[in-house]
């Protein structure tokens, strides 16, 4: 069960990183305070007792390092 939880959190971290990078590219100012309020342990989108179809040919894109340019509160 730990493996499943870790995979879910890794997926959520990847999604959060992409959203934050898009926000930064759109001109949003990302602060440590803003990012500190986020959690990779989101689970509302999971169907706990649902049926899942696994398509092993549908590979996810590789993880890419994306620098977010997070600033200290009050800086810049």
C-alpha atoms as a PDB file:
ATOM      1  CA  UNK A   1       0.000   0.000   0.000  1.00  0.00           C
ATOM      2  CA  UNK A   2       2.926   2.368   0.639  1.00  0.00           C
ATOM      3  CA  UNK A   3       3.980   2.019  -2.995  1.00  0.00           C
ATOM      4  CA  UNK A   4       0.544   3.087  -4.211  1.00  0.00           C
ATOM      5  CA  UNK A   5       0.529   6.135  -1.905  1.00  0.00           C
ATOM      6  CA  UNK A   6       4.027   7.102  -3.057  1.00  0.00           C
ATOM      7  CA  UNK A   7       3.073   6.797  -6.729  1.00  0.00           C
ATOM      8  CA  UNK A   8      -0.007   8.961  -6.159  1.00  0.00           C
ATOM      9  CA  UNK A   9       2.047  11.636  -4.397  1.00  0.00           C
ATOM     10  CA  UNK A  10       4.718  11.578  -7.143  1.00  0.00           C
ATOM     11  CA  UNK A  11       1.986  12.052  -9.756  1.00  0.00           C
ATOM     12  CA  UNK A  12       0.505  14.931  -7.737  1.00  0.00           C
ATOM     13  CA  UNK A  13       3.924  16.588  -7.294  1.00  0.00           C
ATOM     14  CA  UNK A  14       4.475  16.377 -11.043  1.00  0.00           C
ATOM     15  CA  UNK A  15       1.055  17.934 -11.724  1.00  0.00           C
ATOM     16  CA  UNK A  16       1.588  20.679  -9.106  1.00  0.00           C
ATOM     17  CA  UNK A  17       5.005  21.505 -10.555  1.00  0.00           C
ATOM     18  CA  UNK A  18       3.552  21.835 -14.046  1.00  0.00           C
ATOM     19  CA  UNK A  19       0.722  24.081 -12.825  1.00  0.00           C
ATOM     20  CA  UNK A  20       3.111  26.275 -10.814  1.00  0.00           C
ATOM     21  CA  UNK A  21       5.485  26.569 -13.786  1.00  0.00           C
ATOM     22  CA  UNK A  22       2.557  27.592 -16.014  1.00  0.00           C
ATOM     23  CA  UNK A  23       1.482  30.155 -13.406  1.00  0.00           C
ATOM     24  CA  UNK A  24       5.020  31.580 -13.246  1.00  0.00           C
ATOM     25  CA  UNK A  25       5.143  31.781 -17.051  1.00  0.00           C
ATOM     26  CA  UNK A  26       1.812  33.654 -16.985  1.00  0.00           C
ATOM     27  CA  UNK A  27       3.290  36.253 -14.640  1.00  0.00           C
ATOM     28  CA  UNK A  28       2.144  35.008 -11.240  1.00  0.00           C
ATOM     29  CA  UNK A  29       4.537  35.736  -8.393  1.00  0.00           C
ATOM     30  CA  UNK A  30       5.260  32.447  -6.621  1.00  0.00           C
ATOM     31  CA  UNK A  31       6.252  32.835  -2.992  1.00  0.00           C
ATOM     32  CA  UNK A  32       7.436  30.312  -0.427  1.00  0.00           C
ATOM     33  CA  UNK A  33       4.275  31.020   1.579  1.00  0.00           C
ATOM     34  CA  UNK A  34       2.057  30.153  -1.390  1.00  0.00           C
ATOM     35  CA  UNK A  35       3.893  26.939  -2.196  1.00  0.00           C
ATOM     36  CA  UNK A  36       4.107  25.902   1.491  1.00  0.00           C
ATOM     37  CA  UNK A  37       0.300  25.729   1.600  1.00  0.00           C
ATOM     38  CA  UNK A  38       0.175  23.031  -1.083  1.00  0.00           C
ATOM     39  CA  UNK A  39       0.233  19.315  -0.338  1.00  0.00           C
ATOM     40  CA  UNK A  40       1.034  16.387  -2.647  1.00  0.00           C
ATOM     41  CA  UNK A  41      -1.347  14.235  -0.578  1.00  0.00           C
ATOM     42  CA  UNK A  42      -4.461  15.107  -2.534  1.00  0.00           C
ATOM     43  CA  UNK A  43      -6.746  12.155  -2.990  1.00  0.00           C
ATOM     44  CA  UNK A  44     -10.185  13.501  -3.883  1.00  0.00           C
ATOM     45  CA  UNK A  45      -9.642  12.475  -7.505  1.00  0.00           C
ATOM     46  CA  UNK A  46      -9.183   8.803  -6.562  1.00  0.00           C
ATOM     47  CA  UNK A  47     -11.879   6.172  -6.664  1.00  0.00           C
ATOM     48  CA  UNK A  48     -11.044   4.123  -3.621  1.00  0.00           C
ATOM     49  CA  UNK A  49     -13.178   1.135  -4.566  1.00  0.00           C
ATOM     50  CA  UNK A  50     -13.390   1.790  -8.292  1.00  0.00           C
ATOM     51  CA  UNK A  51     -12.276  -0.399 -11.123  1.00  0.00           C
ATOM     52  CA  UNK A  52      -9.164   0.704 -12.937  1.00  0.00           C
ATOM     53  CA  UNK A  53      -8.023  -0.267 -16.397  1.00  0.00           C
ATOM     54  CA  UNK A  54      -4.262  -0.253 -16.768  1.00  0.00           C
ATOM     55  CA  UNK A  55      -2.897   0.443 -20.226  1.00  0.00           C
ATOM     56  CA  UNK A  56       0.759  -0.531 -19.965  1.00  0.00           C
ATOM     57  CA  UNK A  57       1.406   0.853 -23.469  1.00  0.00           C
ATOM     58  CA  UNK A  58       0.307   4.355 -22.446  1.00  0.00           C
ATOM     59  CA  UNK A  59       3.515   5.590 -20.827  1.00  0.00           C
ATOM     60  CA  UNK A  60       3.637   8.912 -18.979  1.00  0.00           C
ATOM     61  CA  UNK A  61       6.015  11.601 -20.195  1.00  0.00           C
ATOM     62  CA  UNK A  62       9.402  11.663 -18.461  1.00  0.00           C
ATOM     63  CA  UNK A  63       9.790  13.835 -15.389  1.00  0.00           C
ATOM     64  CA  UNK A  64      11.500  17.095 -16.276  1.00  0.00           C
ATOM     65  CA  UNK A  65      13.238  19.424 -13.839  1.00  0.00           C
ATOM     66  CA  UNK A  66      11.388  22.752 -13.927  1.00  0.00           C
ATOM     67  CA  UNK A  67      12.753  25.662 -11.931  1.00  0.00           C
ATOM     68  CA  UNK A  68       9.915  27.738 -10.521  1.00  0.00           C
ATOM     69  CA  UNK A  69      11.597  30.979  -9.477  1.00  0.00           C
ATOM     70  CA  UNK A  70      10.071  31.007  -6.001  1.00  0.00           C
ATOM     71  CA  UNK A  71      10.793  34.252  -4.165  1.00  0.00           C
ATOM     72  CA  UNK A  72      10.854  35.211  -0.508  1.00  0.00           C
ATOM     73  CA  UNK A  73       7.799  37.120   0.703  1.00  0.00           C
ATOM     74  CA  UNK A  74       8.362  40.855   0.251  1.00  0.00           C
ATOM     75  CA  UNK A  75      11.265  40.372  -2.165  1.00  0.00           C
ATOM     76  CA  UNK A  76      11.290  41.647  -5.732  1.00  0.00           C
END
